[in-house]
Amino acid sequence: MGAGARETGLHRRTVRKYLNAELGQAPPRPPRPRRPLAVDAFAHVIDAWLRAELLLKGTVIHERLVEQYGFAGNYQRVKLYLQEARPRIAAELGIAPDQLAGLHRRFEVVPGAQAQVDWGDEGAVLAHVGIGKVYSFHMVLSYSRDPFCCFTTSQDLAAFWDCHRRAFAHFGGMPSLQARSPGTPR
């Protein structure tokens, strides 16, 4: 084994692990103990909320934990906890996994009636040319999922409206105006 380690430049334990694996004797790896997370202290609260309303959104749960219980953890931890808890609570309530998928309500919109707008923080991608911060503006039409994206160096109100104007130009006008039938006065 020492010769194999010298030949490969790897540690002798690494060489042993791979040799044993080739022989079908990969050493069992002991499970790592799970570290307690900040959300664990509120698991009983979250579980109770889920028992009352199984499809309660993660964002709502996080907001309630922060407002009502002073929760200092981030939303991502709540979301990860919900991935484990929701199926478990559903099973307790007698809801099968295939039924759980069917409980999600699809939100329908008419063409041109709605769009979603978000900002992205692109950081200092142009710092090398003297631009300290870059933001991305995203608009997605809810019905068609047609996307639009542009970049700006500000998130102030003037930039916000300018990005909207650019998006409407990209879509060929305000989406609700496109949804009208031909011959309908605008």
C-alpha atoms as a PDB file:
ATOM      1  CA  MET A   1       0.000   0.000   0.000  1.00  0.00           C
ATOM      2  CA  GLY A   2       2.890   2.328   0.769  1.00  0.00           C
ATOM      3  CA  ALA A   3       4.253   1.785  -2.745  1.00  0.00           C
ATOM      4  CA  GLY A   4       0.838   2.639  -4.258  1.00  0.00           C
ATOM      5  CA  ALA A   5       0.685   5.824  -2.249  1.00  0.00           C
ATOM      6  CA  ARG A   6       4.191   6.819  -3.380  1.00  0.00           C
ATOM      7  CA  GLU A   7       3.389   5.998  -7.023  1.00  0.00           C
ATOM      8  CA  THR A   8       0.158   7.979  -7.104  1.00  0.00           C
ATOM      9  CA  GLY A   9       1.030  10.769  -4.729  1.00  0.00           C
ATOM     10  CA  LEU A  10      -2.138  10.032  -2.738  1.00  0.00           C
ATOM     11  CA  HIS A  11      -2.432   9.334   0.964  1.00  0.00           C
ATOM     12  CA  ARG A  12      -2.199   5.632   1.860  1.00  0.00           C
ATOM     13  CA  ARG A  13      -5.749   5.621   3.268  1.00  0.00           C
ATOM     14  CA  THR A  14      -7.075   6.976  -0.024  1.00  0.00           C
ATOM     15  CA  VAL A  15      -5.257   4.228  -1.943  1.00  0.00           C
ATOM     16  CA  ARG A  16      -6.639   1.602   0.464  1.00  0.00           C
ATOM     17  CA  LYS A  17     -10.182   2.924   0.034  1.00  0.00           C
ATOM     18  CA  TYR A  18     -10.001   2.666  -3.765  1.00  0.00           C
ATOM     19  CA  LEU A  19      -8.356  -0.756  -3.707  1.00  0.00           C
ATOM     20  CA  ASN A  20     -11.041  -2.076  -1.352  1.00  0.00           C
ATOM     21  CA  ALA A  21     -13.756  -0.546  -3.515  1.00  0.00           C
ATOM     22  CA  GLU A  22     -12.402  -2.389  -6.592  1.00  0.00           C
ATOM     23  CA  LEU A  23     -12.603  -5.635  -4.632  1.00  0.00           C
ATOM     24  CA  GLY A  24     -16.210  -4.874  -3.664  1.00  0.00           C
ATOM     25  CA  GLN A  25     -15.259  -4.154  -0.063  1.00  0.00           C
ATOM     26  CA  ALA A  26     -15.745  -0.423   0.185  1.00  0.00           C
ATOM     27  CA  PRO A  27     -15.536   0.437   3.846  1.00  0.00           C
ATOM     28  CA  PRO A  28     -18.860   1.567   5.270  1.00  0.00           C
ATOM     29  CA  ARG A  29     -18.908   5.257   5.956  1.00  0.00           C
ATOM     30  CA  PRO A  30     -20.378   6.112   9.331  1.00  0.00           C
ATOM     31  CA  PRO A  31     -23.349   8.469   9.070  1.00  0.00           C
ATOM     32  CA  ARG A  32     -22.594  12.032  10.026  1.00  0.00           C
ATOM     33  CA  PRO A  33     -24.625  13.299  12.923  1.00  0.00           C
ATOM     34  CA  ARG A  34     -27.068  16.000  11.851  1.00  0.00           C
ATOM     35  CA  ARG A  35     -26.278  19.383  13.307  1.00  0.00           C
ATOM     36  CA  PRO A  36     -29.190  21.072  15.041  1.00  0.00           C
ATOM     37  CA  LEU A  37     -30.533  23.981  13.010  1.00  0.00           C
ATOM     38  CA  ALA A  38     -32.216  27.176  14.188  1.00  0.00           C
ATOM     39  CA  VAL A  39     -35.488  26.033  12.625  1.00  0.00           C
ATOM     40  CA  ASP A  40     -35.509  22.849  14.757  1.00  0.00           C
ATOM     41  CA  ALA A  41     -36.547  24.834  17.825  1.00  0.00           C
ATOM     42  CA  PHE A  42     -39.702  25.900  15.951  1.00  0.00           C
ATOM     43  CA  ALA A  43     -40.507  22.538  14.360  1.00  0.00           C
ATOM     44  CA  HIS A  44     -43.509  21.955  16.624  1.00  0.00           C
ATOM     45  CA  VAL A  45     -44.961  25.343  15.641  1.00  0.00           C
ATOM     46  CA  ILE A  46     -44.432  24.761  11.921  1.00  0.00           C
ATOM     47  CA  ASP A  47     -45.898  21.256  12.175  1.00  0.00           C
ATOM     48  CA  ALA A  48     -49.010  22.626  13.902  1.00  0.00           C
ATOM     49  CA  TRP A  49     -49.469  25.248  11.180  1.00  0.00           C
ATOM     50  CA  LEU A  50     -49.091  22.559   8.504  1.00  0.00           C
ATOM     51  CA  ARG A  51     -51.641  20.327  10.232  1.00  0.00           C
ATOM     52  CA  ALA A  52     -54.107  23.221  10.090  1.00  0.00           C
ATOM     53  CA  GLU A  53     -53.224  24.251   6.510  1.00  0.00           C
ATOM     54  CA  LEU A  54     -51.002  21.751   4.693  1.00  0.00           C
ATOM     55  CA  LEU A  55     -50.296  24.023   1.715  1.00  0.00           C
ATOM     56  CA  LEU A  56     -49.310  27.077   3.763  1.00  0.00           C
ATOM     57  CA  LYS A  57     -46.537  28.800   1.841  1.00  0.00           C
ATOM     58  CA  GLY A  58     -42.977  28.726   3.134  1.00  0.00           C
ATOM     59  CA  THR A  59     -42.670  32.495   2.823  1.00  0.00           C
ATOM     60  CA  VAL A  60     -45.740  32.952   5.035  1.00  0.00           C
ATOM     61  CA  ILE A  61     -44.375  30.491   7.587  1.00  0.00           C
ATOM     62  CA  HIS A  62     -41.018  32.307   7.668  1.00  0.00           C
ATOM     63  CA  GLU A  63     -42.715  35.700   8.072  1.00  0.00           C
ATOM     64  CA  ARG A  64     -44.887  34.402  10.922  1.00  0.00           C
ATOM     65  CA  LEU A  65     -41.888  32.863  12.686  1.00  0.00           C
ATOM     66  CA  VAL A  66     -39.983  36.153  12.471  1.00  0.00           C
ATOM     67  CA  GLU A  67     -42.920  38.334  13.561  1.00  0.00           C
ATOM     68  CA  GLN A  68     -44.481  36.120  16.215  1.00  0.00           C
ATOM     69  CA  TYR A  69     -41.484  34.204  17.603  1.00  0.00           C
ATOM     70  CA  GLY A  70     -38.427  36.353  16.825  1.00  0.00           C
ATOM     71  CA  PHE A  71     -36.973  33.679  14.530  1.00  0.00           C
ATOM     72  CA  ALA A  72     -33.536  34.789  13.320  1.00  0.00           C
ATOM     73  CA  GLY A  73     -32.963  32.026  10.769  1.00  0.00           C
ATOM     74  CA  ASN A  74     -33.245  32.511   7.046  1.00  0.00           C
ATOM     75  CA  TYR A  75     -36.050  31.491   4.706  1.00  0.00           C
ATOM     76  CA  GLN A  76     -33.897  28.816   3.043  1.00  0.00           C
ATOM     77  CA  ARG A  77     -33.733  26.794   6.275  1.00  0.00           C
ATOM     78  CA  VAL A  78     -37.515  26.964   6.643  1.00  0.00           C
ATOM     79  CA  LYS A  79     -37.884  25.836   3.034  1.00  0.00           C
ATOM     80  CA  LEU A  80     -35.549  22.866   3.598  1.00  0.00           C
ATOM     81  CA  TYR A  81     -37.454  21.901   6.733  1.00  0.00           C
ATOM     82  CA  LEU A  82     -40.752  22.046   4.822  1.00  0.00           C
ATOM     83  CA  GLN A  83     -39.418  19.610   2.205  1.00  0.00           C
ATOM     84  CA  GLU A  84     -39.155  17.012   4.964  1.00  0.00           C
ATOM     85  CA  ALA A  85     -42.131  18.065   7.089  1.00  0.00           C
ATOM     86  CA  ARG A  86     -44.879  18.492   4.497  1.00  0.00           C
ATOM     87  CA  PRO A  87     -44.861  14.832   3.287  1.00  0.00           C
ATOM     88  CA  ARG A  88     -44.615  13.618   6.896  1.00  0.00           C
ATOM     89  CA  ILE A  89     -47.600  15.737   8.006  1.00  0.00           C
ATOM     90  CA  ALA A  90     -49.529  14.681   4.880  1.00  0.00           C
ATOM     91  CA  ALA A  91     -48.964  11.036   5.825  1.00  0.00           C
ATOM     92  CA  GLU A  92     -50.191  11.772   9.364  1.00  0.00           C
ATOM     93  CA  LEU A  93     -53.322  13.324   7.869  1.00  0.00           C
ATOM     94  CA  GLY A  94     -53.854  10.305   5.614  1.00  0.00           C
ATOM     95  CA  ILE A  95     -52.939  12.096   2.382  1.00  0.00           C
ATOM     96  CA  ALA A  96     -50.943   9.913  -0.012  1.00  0.00           C
ATOM     97  CA  PRO A  97     -47.853  11.378  -1.750  1.00  0.00           C
ATOM     98  CA  ASP A  98     -49.602  11.302  -5.141  1.00  0.00           C
ATOM     99  CA  GLN A  99     -52.557  13.192  -3.644  1.00  0.00           C
ATOM    100  CA  LEU A 100     -50.194  15.784  -2.158  1.00  0.00           C
ATOM    101  CA  ALA A 101     -48.966  16.677  -5.644  1.00  0.00           C
ATOM    102  CA  GLY A 102     -52.571  17.144  -6.750  1.00  0.00           C
ATOM    103  CA  LEU A 103     -53.325  19.593  -3.947  1.00  0.00           C
ATOM    104  CA  HIS A 104     -51.254  22.398  -5.477  1.00  0.00           C
ATOM    105  CA  ARG A 105     -53.578  24.829  -7.167  1.00  0.00           C
ATOM    106  CA  ARG A 106     -52.505  26.165 -10.533  1.00  0.00           C
ATOM    107  CA  PHE A 107     -52.887  29.916 -10.818  1.00  0.00           C
ATOM    108  CA  GLU A 108     -54.495  30.753 -14.154  1.00  0.00           C
ATOM    109  CA  VAL A 109     -54.354  34.171 -15.785  1.00  0.00           C
ATOM    110  CA  VAL A 110     -55.777  35.461 -19.016  1.00  0.00           C
ATOM    111  CA  PRO A 111     -53.277  36.469 -21.703  1.00  0.00           C
ATOM    112  CA  GLY A 112     -51.859  39.931 -21.159  1.00  0.00           C
ATOM    113  CA  ALA A 113     -53.384  40.462 -17.738  1.00  0.00           C
ATOM    114  CA  GLN A 114     -50.345  40.037 -15.531  1.00  0.00           C
ATOM    115  CA  ALA A 115     -46.554  40.002 -15.432  1.00  0.00           C
ATOM    116  CA  GLN A 116     -44.050  39.379 -12.665  1.00  0.00           C
ATOM    117  CA  VAL A 117     -41.151  41.739 -12.074  1.00  0.00           C
ATOM    118  CA  ASP A 118     -37.996  40.987 -10.079  1.00  0.00           C
ATOM    119  CA  TRP A 119     -34.597  42.548  -9.524  1.00  0.00           C
ATOM    120  CA  GLY A 120     -31.348  40.614  -9.563  1.00  0.00           C
ATOM    121  CA  ASP A 121     -28.059  41.749  -8.048  1.00  0.00           C
ATOM    122  CA  GLU A 122     -25.250  41.008 -10.491  1.00  0.00           C
ATOM    123  CA  GLY A 123     -22.578  42.444  -8.186  1.00  0.00           C
ATOM    124  CA  ALA A 124     -19.406  44.027  -9.456  1.00  0.00           C
ATOM    125  CA  VAL A 125     -19.222  42.269 -12.839  1.00  0.00           C
ATOM    126  CA  LEU A 126     -18.169  45.507 -14.529  1.00  0.00           C
ATOM    127  CA  ALA A 127     -15.857  46.811 -11.799  1.00  0.00           C
ATOM    128  CA  HIS A 128     -12.919  46.459 -14.205  1.00  0.00           C
ATOM    129  CA  VAL A 129     -14.424  49.278 -16.324  1.00  0.00           C
ATOM    130  CA  GLY A 130     -15.326  51.481 -13.363  1.00  0.00           C
ATOM    131  CA  ILE A 131     -18.970  50.441 -12.834  1.00  0.00           C
ATOM    132  CA  GLY A 132     -19.302  49.399  -9.199  1.00  0.00           C
ATOM    133  CA  LYS A 133     -22.698  47.665  -9.150  1.00  0.00           C
ATOM    134  CA  VAL A 134     -24.920  46.104 -11.805  1.00  0.00           C
ATOM    135  CA  TYR A 135     -28.551  45.046 -11.385  1.00  0.00           C
ATOM    136  CA  SER A 136     -30.767  42.981 -13.653  1.00  0.00           C
ATOM    137  CA  PHE A 137     -34.439  43.729 -14.196  1.00  0.00           C
ATOM    138  CA  HIS A 138     -36.612  40.719 -15.076  1.00  0.00           C
ATOM    139  CA  MET A 139     -40.186  40.773 -16.338  1.00  0.00           C
ATOM    140  CA  VAL A 140     -42.023  37.554 -17.209  1.00  0.00           C
ATOM    141  CA  LEU A 141     -45.502  37.464 -18.689  1.00  0.00           C
ATOM    142  CA  SER A 142     -47.599  35.201 -16.477  1.00  0.00           C
ATOM    143  CA  TYR A 143     -49.632  33.558 -19.230  1.00  0.00           C
ATOM    144  CA  SER A 144     -47.005  32.901 -21.914  1.00  0.00           C
ATOM    145  CA  ARG A 145     -43.909  32.899 -19.636  1.00  0.00           C
ATOM    146  CA  ASP A 146     -42.274  35.207 -22.228  1.00  0.00           C
ATOM    147  CA  PRO A 147     -39.210  36.692 -20.464  1.00  0.00           C
ATOM    148  CA  PHE A 148     -37.486  40.048 -20.684  1.00  0.00           C
ATOM    149  CA  CYS A 149     -34.241  41.063 -18.984  1.00  0.00           C
ATOM    150  CA  CYS A 150     -32.180  44.253 -19.020  1.00  0.00           C
ATOM    151  CA  PHE A 151     -29.318  45.574 -16.940  1.00  0.00           C
ATOM    152  CA  THR A 152     -28.940  48.838 -15.072  1.00  0.00           C
ATOM    153  CA  THR A 153     -26.657  50.456 -12.520  1.00  0.00           C
ATOM    154  CA  SER A 154     -29.474  51.666 -10.285  1.00  0.00           C
ATOM    155  CA  GLN A 155     -32.659  50.392  -8.704  1.00  0.00           C
ATOM    156  CA  ASP A 156     -34.190  53.823  -8.175  1.00  0.00           C
ATOM    157  CA  LEU A 157     -37.693  54.720  -9.374  1.00  0.00           C
ATOM    158  CA  ALA A 158     -36.452  56.295 -12.615  1.00  0.00           C
ATOM    159  CA  ALA A 159     -34.575  53.096 -13.515  1.00  0.00           C
ATOM    160  CA  PHE A 160     -37.595  51.001 -12.508  1.00  0.00           C
ATOM    161  CA  TRP A 161     -39.925  52.877 -14.879  1.00  0.00           C
ATOM    162  CA  ASP A 162     -37.309  52.961 -17.648  1.00  0.00           C
ATOM    163  CA  CYS A 163     -36.946  49.170 -17.408  1.00  0.00           C
ATOM    164  CA  HIS A 164     -40.734  48.842 -17.638  1.00  0.00           C
ATOM    165  CA  ARG A 165     -40.786  50.992 -20.784  1.00  0.00           C
ATOM    166  CA  ARG A 166     -38.017  48.858 -22.293  1.00  0.00           C
ATOM    167  CA  ALA A 167     -39.913  45.672 -21.406  1.00  0.00           C
ATOM    168  CA  PHE A 168     -43.138  46.965 -22.959  1.00  0.00           C
ATOM    169  CA  ALA A 169     -41.181  47.886 -26.109  1.00  0.00           C
ATOM    170  CA  HIS A 170     -39.781  44.337 -26.151  1.00  0.00           C
ATOM    171  CA  PHE A 171     -43.272  42.825 -25.835  1.00  0.00           C
ATOM    172  CA  GLY A 172     -44.646  45.156 -28.519  1.00  0.00           C
ATOM    173  CA  GLY A 173     -46.728  47.252 -26.162  1.00  0.00           C
ATOM    174  CA  MET A 174     -48.384  46.746 -22.820  1.00  0.00           C
ATOM    175  CA  PRO A 175     -49.392  43.072 -22.629  1.00  0.00           C
ATOM    176  CA  SER A 176     -53.061  43.794 -21.843  1.00  0.00           C
ATOM    177  CA  LEU A 177     -53.291  45.814 -25.050  1.00  0.00           C
ATOM    178  CA  GLN A 178     -51.981  42.828 -27.020  1.00  0.00           C
ATOM    179  CA  ALA A 179     -54.613  40.534 -25.534  1.00  0.00           C
ATOM    180  CA  ARG A 180     -57.527  42.449 -27.065  1.00  0.00           C
ATOM    181  CA  SER A 181     -59.052  41.075 -30.194  1.00  0.00           C
ATOM    182  CA  PRO A 182     -58.293  42.789 -33.509  1.00  0.00           C
ATOM    183  CA  GLY A 183     -60.515  45.757 -34.163  1.00  0.00           C
ATOM    184  CA  THR A 184     -61.065  46.504 -30.464  1.00  0.00           C
ATOM    185  CA  PRO A 185     -60.289  50.183 -29.780  1.00  0.00           C
ATOM    186  CA  ARG A 186     -57.270  50.736 -27.606  1.00  0.00           C
END
